[in-house]
Amino acid sequence: MTELDKGSLIGELARRYAIRMDDNDPAIAIVALNRLVLEHAMEELSGAVIRRIAEFETSVLKVEQRAGKLLALELAEAAARIRAELRNDIDGAGIKAAHLVYLVDQAHKRPTRVRWLSAGLVLAAALFLAGVWIGAHCHVH
């Protein structure tokens, strides 16, 4: 205890309780001893609090890292699902496009088939009529 602390303590005791003491009183030594014990306990408590805060900060960092890894994993899985869905959509669109191309191709081929079929029928009718005409005019007796 410093001199000022001892003096103010002695003055306060005298004022409040009308007790007179001097600097060498054993009660002052007990108060000083209590103060030393209290300071030591406060230092230990302060060190323990500082250690606990450091441990807490380390734990928070570990949790943040784990959360970051989990978030990254979730994002990777979500991206994979989106890619798969897009691939399915693209495949489906490709199938639909191929079907449309087939339908367009069939639509374009139909008039060609109709023309050839018509031409074949006209030619067949012409050959038939030519055969009938030849048969009627070149009658062998």
N, C-alpha and C. Protein backbone atom coordinates (compact mmCIF):
# COMPACT_ATOMS: atom_id res chain seq x y z
N MET A 1 0.83 -1.18 0.00
CA MET A 1 0.00 0.00 0.00
C MET A 1 0.88 1.24 0.00
N THR A 2 0.50 2.23 -0.79
CA THR A 2 1.27 3.47 -0.81
C THR A 2 0.90 4.30 0.40
N GLU A 3 1.74 5.31 0.65
CA GLU A 3 1.52 6.18 1.81
C GLU A 3 0.18 6.90 1.70
N LEU A 4 -0.16 7.36 0.50
CA LEU A 4 -1.42 8.07 0.32
C LEU A 4 -2.59 7.15 0.62
N ASP A 5 -2.49 5.89 0.16
CA ASP A 5 -3.57 4.94 0.41
C ASP A 5 -3.71 4.68 1.91
N LYS A 6 -2.56 4.50 2.59
CA LYS A 6 -2.61 4.26 4.05
C LYS A 6 -3.21 5.46 4.74
N GLY A 7 -2.78 6.64 4.33
CA GLY A 7 -3.27 7.86 4.98
C GLY A 7 -4.76 8.05 4.76
N SER A 8 -5.23 7.82 3.54
CA SER A 8 -6.66 8.00 3.30
C SER A 8 -7.46 6.93 4.02
N LEU A 9 -6.92 5.70 4.11
CA LEU A 9 -7.62 4.65 4.86
C LEU A 9 -7.70 4.98 6.34
N ILE A 10 -6.59 5.45 6.92
CA ILE A 10 -6.57 5.82 8.34
C ILE A 10 -7.53 6.98 8.59
N GLY A 11 -7.54 7.97 7.67
CA GLY A 11 -8.44 9.12 7.81
C GLY A 11 -9.91 8.69 7.71
N GLU A 12 -10.22 7.81 6.80
CA GLU A 12 -11.60 7.35 6.63
C GLU A 12 -12.06 6.57 7.85
N LEU A 13 -11.18 5.73 8.41
CA LEU A 13 -11.55 4.99 9.64
C LEU A 13 -11.82 5.95 10.79
N ALA A 14 -11.02 6.95 10.90
CA ALA A 14 -11.19 7.92 11.98
C ALA A 14 -12.49 8.70 11.78
N ARG A 15 -12.76 9.08 10.55
CA ARG A 15 -13.97 9.86 10.30
C ARG A 15 -15.23 9.03 10.51
N ARG A 16 -15.26 7.83 9.95
CA ARG A 16 -16.48 7.02 10.02
C ARG A 16 -16.69 6.37 11.39
N TYR A 17 -15.64 5.78 11.87
CA TYR A 17 -15.81 4.93 13.06
C TYR A 17 -15.11 5.47 14.32
N ALA A 18 -14.49 6.60 14.22
CA ALA A 18 -13.76 7.20 15.34
C ALA A 18 -12.68 6.27 15.87
N ILE A 19 -12.01 5.56 14.93
CA ILE A 19 -10.90 4.66 15.31
C ILE A 19 -9.62 5.34 14.88
N ARG A 20 -8.66 5.41 15.84
CA ARG A 20 -7.38 6.03 15.55
C ARG A 20 -6.34 4.94 15.34
N MET A 21 -5.61 5.06 14.21
CA MET A 21 -4.53 4.12 13.89
C MET A 21 -3.34 4.91 13.38
N ASP A 22 -2.18 4.27 13.42
CA ASP A 22 -1.02 4.89 12.78
C ASP A 22 -0.52 3.96 11.67
N ASP A 23 0.52 4.39 10.95
CA ASP A 23 1.01 3.63 9.79
C ASP A 23 1.55 2.26 10.17
N ASN A 24 1.97 2.05 11.37
CA ASN A 24 2.59 0.80 11.79
C ASN A 24 1.61 -0.14 12.47
N ASP A 25 0.35 0.16 12.45
CA ASP A 25 -0.66 -0.67 13.09
C ASP A 25 -0.77 -2.01 12.33
N PRO A 26 -0.86 -3.14 13.06
CA PRO A 26 -0.98 -4.45 12.40
C PRO A 26 -2.24 -4.56 11.52
N ALA A 27 -3.29 -3.83 11.84
CA ALA A 27 -4.51 -3.88 11.02
C ALA A 27 -4.22 -3.34 9.63
N ILE A 28 -3.35 -2.33 9.52
CA ILE A 28 -2.97 -1.78 8.23
C ILE A 28 -2.19 -2.84 7.45
N ALA A 29 -1.34 -3.60 8.14
CA ALA A 29 -0.57 -4.67 7.49
C ALA A 29 -1.54 -5.73 6.94
N ILE A 30 -2.59 -6.05 7.69
CA ILE A 30 -3.58 -7.04 7.23
C ILE A 30 -4.31 -6.50 5.99
N VAL A 31 -4.65 -5.22 6.01
CA VAL A 31 -5.32 -4.62 4.85
C VAL A 31 -4.39 -4.67 3.64
N ALA A 32 -3.11 -4.36 3.85
CA ALA A 32 -2.14 -4.39 2.76
C ALA A 32 -1.99 -5.82 2.23
N LEU A 33 -1.96 -6.80 3.14
CA LEU A 33 -1.87 -8.19 2.74
C LEU A 33 -3.11 -8.60 1.93
N ASN A 34 -4.28 -8.19 2.41
CA ASN A 34 -5.51 -8.47 1.67
C ASN A 34 -5.47 -7.85 0.28
N ARG A 35 -4.93 -6.65 0.20
CA ARG A 35 -4.84 -5.98 -1.09
C ARG A 35 -3.91 -6.75 -2.03
N LEU A 36 -2.77 -7.21 -1.50
CA LEU A 36 -1.84 -7.99 -2.32
C LEU A 36 -2.49 -9.28 -2.82
N VAL A 37 -3.21 -9.94 -1.94
CA VAL A 37 -3.91 -11.18 -2.32
C VAL A 37 -4.95 -10.87 -3.40
N LEU A 38 -5.69 -9.78 -3.19
CA LEU A 38 -6.71 -9.38 -4.16
C LEU A 38 -6.06 -9.04 -5.52
N GLU A 39 -4.94 -8.31 -5.50
CA GLU A 39 -4.26 -7.98 -6.76
C GLU A 39 -3.79 -9.24 -7.47
N HIS A 40 -3.25 -10.18 -6.71
CA HIS A 40 -2.80 -11.45 -7.29
C HIS A 40 -3.99 -12.21 -7.90
N ALA A 41 -5.08 -12.26 -7.16
CA ALA A 41 -6.28 -12.95 -7.67
C ALA A 41 -6.80 -12.27 -8.94
N MET A 42 -6.76 -10.91 -8.94
CA MET A 42 -7.20 -10.17 -10.12
C MET A 42 -6.29 -10.46 -11.31
N GLU A 43 -4.99 -10.55 -11.09
CA GLU A 43 -4.06 -10.86 -12.18
C GLU A 43 -4.35 -12.25 -12.73
N GLU A 44 -4.57 -13.22 -11.83
CA GLU A 44 -4.90 -14.58 -12.28
C GLU A 44 -6.22 -14.60 -13.06
N LEU A 45 -7.21 -13.89 -12.52
CA LEU A 45 -8.51 -13.83 -13.18
C LEU A 45 -8.39 -13.15 -14.54
N SER A 46 -7.64 -12.08 -14.59
CA SER A 46 -7.43 -11.36 -15.84
C SER A 46 -6.75 -12.26 -16.86
N GLY A 47 -5.73 -12.98 -16.43
CA GLY A 47 -5.04 -13.93 -17.33
C GLY A 47 -5.97 -15.01 -17.82
N ALA A 48 -6.81 -15.54 -16.91
CA ALA A 48 -7.76 -16.58 -17.29
C ALA A 48 -8.77 -16.04 -18.29
N VAL A 49 -9.24 -14.81 -18.07
CA VAL A 49 -10.21 -14.20 -19.00
C VAL A 49 -9.55 -13.99 -20.36
N ILE A 50 -8.32 -13.52 -20.37
CA ILE A 50 -7.60 -13.31 -21.63
C ILE A 50 -7.43 -14.63 -22.37
N ARG A 51 -7.07 -15.70 -21.63
CA ARG A 51 -6.92 -17.02 -22.26
C ARG A 51 -8.26 -17.50 -22.83
N ARG A 52 -9.32 -17.33 -22.05
CA ARG A 52 -10.66 -17.77 -22.50
C ARG A 52 -11.09 -16.99 -23.75
N ILE A 53 -10.80 -15.71 -23.78
CA ILE A 53 -11.15 -14.89 -24.96
C ILE A 53 -10.38 -15.40 -26.17
N ALA A 54 -9.08 -15.69 -25.97
CA ALA A 54 -8.26 -16.21 -27.07
C ALA A 54 -8.80 -17.55 -27.55
N GLU A 55 -9.18 -18.44 -26.60
CA GLU A 55 -9.76 -19.73 -26.97
C GLU A 55 -11.07 -19.53 -27.72
N PHE A 56 -11.88 -18.58 -27.25
CA PHE A 56 -13.15 -18.30 -27.90
C PHE A 56 -12.92 -17.80 -29.32
N GLU A 57 -11.97 -16.88 -29.49
CA GLU A 57 -11.67 -16.37 -30.83
C GLU A 57 -11.19 -17.48 -31.75
N THR A 58 -10.36 -18.39 -31.21
CA THR A 58 -9.90 -19.54 -32.00
C THR A 58 -11.08 -20.42 -32.39
N SER A 59 -11.98 -20.65 -31.44
CA SER A 59 -13.17 -21.45 -31.73
C SER A 59 -14.04 -20.78 -32.79
N VAL A 60 -14.19 -19.48 -32.68
CA VAL A 60 -14.98 -18.74 -33.68
C VAL A 60 -14.34 -18.89 -35.05
N LEU A 61 -13.02 -18.77 -35.13
CA LEU A 61 -12.33 -18.93 -36.42
C LEU A 61 -12.55 -20.33 -36.99
N LYS A 62 -12.47 -21.35 -36.11
CA LYS A 62 -12.70 -22.71 -36.57
C LYS A 62 -14.13 -22.88 -37.08
N VAL A 63 -15.08 -22.31 -36.35
CA VAL A 63 -16.48 -22.39 -36.78
C VAL A 63 -16.66 -21.68 -38.12
N GLU A 64 -16.03 -20.51 -38.26
CA GLU A 64 -16.12 -19.77 -39.53
C GLU A 64 -15.52 -20.60 -40.67
N GLN A 65 -14.39 -21.25 -40.40
CA GLN A 65 -13.77 -22.08 -41.44
C GLN A 65 -14.67 -23.25 -41.80
N ARG A 66 -15.23 -23.91 -40.78
CA ARG A 66 -16.14 -25.03 -41.05
C ARG A 66 -17.36 -24.54 -41.81
N ALA A 67 -17.90 -23.41 -41.37
CA ALA A 67 -19.08 -22.85 -42.05
C ALA A 67 -18.72 -22.50 -43.50
N GLY A 68 -17.53 -21.95 -43.69
CA GLY A 68 -17.08 -21.63 -45.05
C GLY A 68 -16.96 -22.87 -45.91
N LYS A 69 -16.41 -23.95 -45.33
CA LYS A 69 -16.28 -25.20 -46.07
C LYS A 69 -17.66 -25.76 -46.38
N LEU A 70 -18.55 -25.73 -45.40
CA LEU A 70 -19.91 -26.23 -45.62
C LEU A 70 -20.62 -25.40 -46.68
N LEU A 71 -20.45 -24.09 -46.60
CA LEU A 71 -21.07 -23.21 -47.60
C LEU A 71 -20.51 -23.50 -48.98
N ALA A 72 -19.19 -23.67 -49.06
CA ALA A 72 -18.57 -23.97 -50.35
C ALA A 72 -19.08 -25.31 -50.89
N LEU A 73 -19.24 -26.30 -50.01
CA LEU A 73 -19.76 -27.59 -50.42
C LEU A 73 -21.20 -27.46 -50.90
N GLU A 74 -22.00 -26.71 -50.15
CA GLU A 74 -23.40 -26.48 -50.55
C GLU A 74 -23.45 -25.79 -51.91
N LEU A 75 -22.59 -24.78 -52.11
CA LEU A 75 -22.57 -24.08 -53.39
C LEU A 75 -22.15 -25.00 -54.53
N ALA A 76 -21.16 -25.85 -54.27
CA ALA A 76 -20.71 -26.78 -55.31
C ALA A 76 -21.84 -27.75 -55.66
N GLU A 77 -22.55 -28.25 -54.65
CA GLU A 77 -23.65 -29.18 -54.90
C GLU A 77 -24.78 -28.47 -55.66
N ALA A 78 -25.08 -27.24 -55.27
CA ALA A 78 -26.13 -26.49 -55.96
C ALA A 78 -25.73 -26.23 -57.41
N ALA A 79 -24.47 -25.88 -57.63
CA ALA A 79 -23.99 -25.64 -59.00
C ALA A 79 -24.07 -26.93 -59.82
N ALA A 80 -23.74 -28.06 -59.21
CA ALA A 80 -23.83 -29.34 -59.92
C ALA A 80 -25.28 -29.66 -60.28
N ARG A 81 -26.19 -29.39 -59.35
CA ARG A 81 -27.62 -29.62 -59.64
C ARG A 81 -28.08 -28.71 -60.78
N ILE A 82 -27.67 -27.45 -60.74
CA ILE A 82 -28.06 -26.51 -61.79
C ILE A 82 -27.49 -26.95 -63.14
N ARG A 83 -26.21 -27.38 -63.14
CA ARG A 83 -25.60 -27.86 -64.38
C ARG A 83 -26.37 -29.07 -64.92
N ALA A 84 -26.73 -30.00 -64.03
CA ALA A 84 -27.47 -31.19 -64.47
C ALA A 84 -28.83 -30.80 -65.04
N GLU A 85 -29.51 -29.87 -64.37
CA GLU A 85 -30.81 -29.43 -64.87
C GLU A 85 -30.66 -28.72 -66.22
N LEU A 86 -29.64 -27.89 -66.34
CA LEU A 86 -29.39 -27.22 -67.63
C LEU A 86 -29.08 -28.23 -68.73
N ARG A 87 -28.27 -29.24 -68.37
CA ARG A 87 -27.93 -30.28 -69.34
C ARG A 87 -29.19 -31.01 -69.78
N ASN A 88 -30.08 -31.33 -68.82
CA ASN A 88 -31.34 -31.99 -69.16
C ASN A 88 -32.19 -31.09 -70.05
N ASP A 89 -32.25 -29.80 -69.69
CA ASP A 89 -33.02 -28.86 -70.51
C ASP A 89 -32.45 -28.77 -71.92
N ILE A 90 -31.13 -28.70 -72.02
CA ILE A 90 -30.48 -28.61 -73.33
C ILE A 90 -30.73 -29.89 -74.13
N ASP A 91 -30.60 -31.05 -73.44
CA ASP A 91 -30.87 -32.32 -74.13
C ASP A 91 -32.32 -32.36 -74.60
N GLY A 92 -33.25 -31.95 -73.74
CA GLY A 92 -34.66 -31.93 -74.11
C GLY A 92 -34.90 -30.99 -75.28
N ALA A 93 -34.28 -29.83 -75.24
CA ALA A 93 -34.43 -28.87 -76.34
C ALA A 93 -33.83 -29.44 -77.61
N GLY A 94 -32.71 -30.16 -77.50
CA GLY A 94 -32.09 -30.78 -78.67
C GLY A 94 -32.99 -31.83 -79.29
N ILE A 95 -33.65 -32.62 -78.43
CA ILE A 95 -34.57 -33.64 -78.93
C ILE A 95 -35.75 -32.98 -79.63
N LYS A 96 -36.29 -31.94 -79.01
CA LYS A 96 -37.41 -31.21 -79.62
C LYS A 96 -36.98 -30.60 -80.95
N ALA A 97 -35.78 -30.03 -80.98
CA ALA A 97 -35.28 -29.42 -82.22
C ALA A 97 -35.09 -30.48 -83.30
N ALA A 98 -34.55 -31.63 -82.92
CA ALA A 98 -34.37 -32.72 -83.89
C ALA A 98 -35.71 -33.18 -84.43
N HIS A 99 -36.72 -33.27 -83.56
CA HIS A 99 -38.06 -33.68 -83.99
C HIS A 99 -38.64 -32.64 -84.96
N LEU A 100 -38.44 -31.35 -84.62
CA LEU A 100 -38.93 -30.29 -85.52
C LEU A 100 -38.23 -30.35 -86.87
N VAL A 101 -36.94 -30.61 -86.87
CA VAL A 101 -36.19 -30.74 -88.13
C VAL A 101 -36.74 -31.92 -88.93
N TYR A 102 -37.01 -33.01 -88.23
CA TYR A 102 -37.58 -34.18 -88.91
C TYR A 102 -38.93 -33.83 -89.53
N LEU A 103 -39.79 -33.15 -88.75
CA LEU A 103 -41.10 -32.77 -89.26
C LEU A 103 -40.98 -31.83 -90.46
N VAL A 104 -40.08 -30.88 -90.40
CA VAL A 104 -39.87 -29.96 -91.51
C VAL A 104 -39.36 -30.73 -92.73
N ASP A 105 -38.43 -31.65 -92.48
CA ASP A 105 -37.90 -32.46 -93.56
C ASP A 105 -39.01 -33.30 -94.21
N GLN A 106 -39.85 -33.90 -93.36
CA GLN A 106 -40.97 -34.69 -93.89
C GLN A 106 -41.94 -33.81 -94.68
N ALA A 107 -42.17 -32.61 -94.17
CA ALA A 107 -43.07 -31.69 -94.86
C ALA A 107 -42.50 -31.30 -96.22
N HIS A 108 -41.20 -31.14 -96.32
CA HIS A 108 -40.57 -30.79 -97.59
C HIS A 108 -40.54 -31.98 -98.54
N LYS A 109 -40.43 -33.17 -98.00
CA LYS A 109 -40.37 -34.36 -98.84
C LYS A 109 -41.75 -34.71 -99.40
N ARG A 110 -42.81 -34.37 -98.71
CA ARG A 110 -44.17 -34.74 -99.13
C ARG A 110 -44.52 -34.19 -100.51
N PRO A 111 -44.34 -32.91 -100.77
CA PRO A 111 -44.66 -32.42 -102.12
C PRO A 111 -43.82 -33.11 -103.20
N THR A 112 -42.58 -33.44 -102.87
CA THR A 112 -41.73 -34.12 -103.84
C THR A 112 -42.30 -35.50 -104.13
N ARG A 113 -42.72 -36.20 -103.08
CA ARG A 113 -43.32 -37.52 -103.27
C ARG A 113 -44.62 -37.42 -104.08
N VAL A 114 -45.40 -36.40 -103.74
CA VAL A 114 -46.67 -36.22 -104.45
C VAL A 114 -46.39 -35.94 -105.93
N ARG A 115 -45.40 -35.11 -106.24
CA ARG A 115 -45.05 -34.82 -107.63
C ARG A 115 -44.61 -36.08 -108.36
N TRP A 116 -43.72 -36.88 -107.73
CA TRP A 116 -43.24 -38.10 -108.39
C TRP A 116 -44.38 -39.11 -108.56
N LEU A 117 -45.22 -39.19 -107.53
CA LEU A 117 -46.34 -40.10 -107.64
C LEU A 117 -47.29 -39.66 -108.76
N SER A 118 -47.54 -38.36 -108.80
CA SER A 118 -48.40 -37.82 -109.87
C SER A 118 -47.77 -38.07 -111.24
N ALA A 119 -46.49 -37.81 -111.34
CA ALA A 119 -45.80 -38.03 -112.61
C ALA A 119 -45.86 -39.50 -113.00
N GLY A 120 -45.69 -40.38 -112.02
CA GLY A 120 -45.76 -41.82 -112.29
C GLY A 120 -47.14 -42.23 -112.76
N LEU A 121 -48.18 -41.69 -112.10
CA LEU A 121 -49.54 -42.01 -112.49
C LEU A 121 -49.85 -41.49 -113.90
N VAL A 122 -49.40 -40.27 -114.20
CA VAL A 122 -49.62 -39.71 -115.53
C VAL A 122 -48.90 -40.55 -116.58
N LEU A 123 -47.66 -40.93 -116.29
CA LEU A 123 -46.90 -41.76 -117.22
C LEU A 123 -47.54 -43.13 -117.40
N ALA A 124 -48.01 -43.71 -116.27
CA ALA A 124 -48.68 -45.02 -116.35
C ALA A 124 -49.95 -44.91 -117.20
N ALA A 125 -50.71 -43.83 -116.98
CA ALA A 125 -51.94 -43.64 -117.76
C ALA A 125 -51.61 -43.44 -119.24
N ALA A 126 -50.52 -42.69 -119.52
CA ALA A 126 -50.12 -42.47 -120.91
C ALA A 126 -49.70 -43.78 -121.56
N LEU A 127 -48.94 -44.61 -120.81
CA LEU A 127 -48.52 -45.91 -121.35
C LEU A 127 -49.74 -46.81 -121.59
N PHE A 128 -50.67 -46.76 -120.62
CA PHE A 128 -51.88 -47.57 -120.77
C PHE A 128 -52.66 -47.14 -122.02
N LEU A 129 -52.85 -45.84 -122.16
CA LEU A 129 -53.58 -45.31 -123.31
C LEU A 129 -52.84 -45.61 -124.62
N ALA A 130 -51.53 -45.50 -124.58
CA ALA A 130 -50.74 -45.82 -125.77
C ALA A 130 -50.91 -47.30 -126.12
N GLY A 131 -50.93 -48.13 -125.12
CA GLY A 131 -51.13 -49.57 -125.35
C GLY A 131 -52.51 -49.85 -125.93
N VAL A 132 -53.50 -49.15 -125.40
CA VAL A 132 -54.86 -49.33 -125.90
C VAL A 132 -54.93 -48.83 -127.34
N TRP A 133 -54.34 -47.70 -127.62
CA TRP A 133 -54.38 -47.14 -128.98
C TRP A 133 -53.66 -48.07 -129.95
N ILE A 134 -52.49 -48.55 -129.51
CA ILE A 134 -51.74 -49.47 -130.38
C ILE A 134 -52.56 -50.74 -130.58
N GLY A 135 -53.13 -51.21 -129.52
CA GLY A 135 -53.94 -52.43 -129.61
C GLY A 135 -55.13 -52.23 -130.53
N ALA A 136 -55.70 -51.08 -130.53
CA ALA A 136 -56.88 -50.82 -131.35
C ALA A 136 -56.47 -50.57 -132.79
N HIS A 137 -55.40 -50.01 -133.10
CA HIS A 137 -55.01 -49.66 -134.47
C HIS A 137 -54.11 -50.72 -135.11
N CYS A 138 -53.45 -51.40 -134.41
CA CYS A 138 -52.57 -52.40 -134.99
C CYS A 138 -53.12 -53.77 -134.69
N HIS A 139 -54.28 -53.98 -135.07
CA HIS A 139 -54.94 -55.23 -134.80
C HIS A 139 -54.43 -56.29 -135.77
N VAL A 140 -53.97 -57.31 -135.31
CA VAL A 140 -53.44 -58.35 -136.17
C VAL A 140 -54.58 -59.33 -136.47
N HIS A 141 -54.83 -59.58 -137.80
CA HIS A 141 -55.91 -60.50 -138.21
C HIS A 141 -55.38 -61.76 -138.61
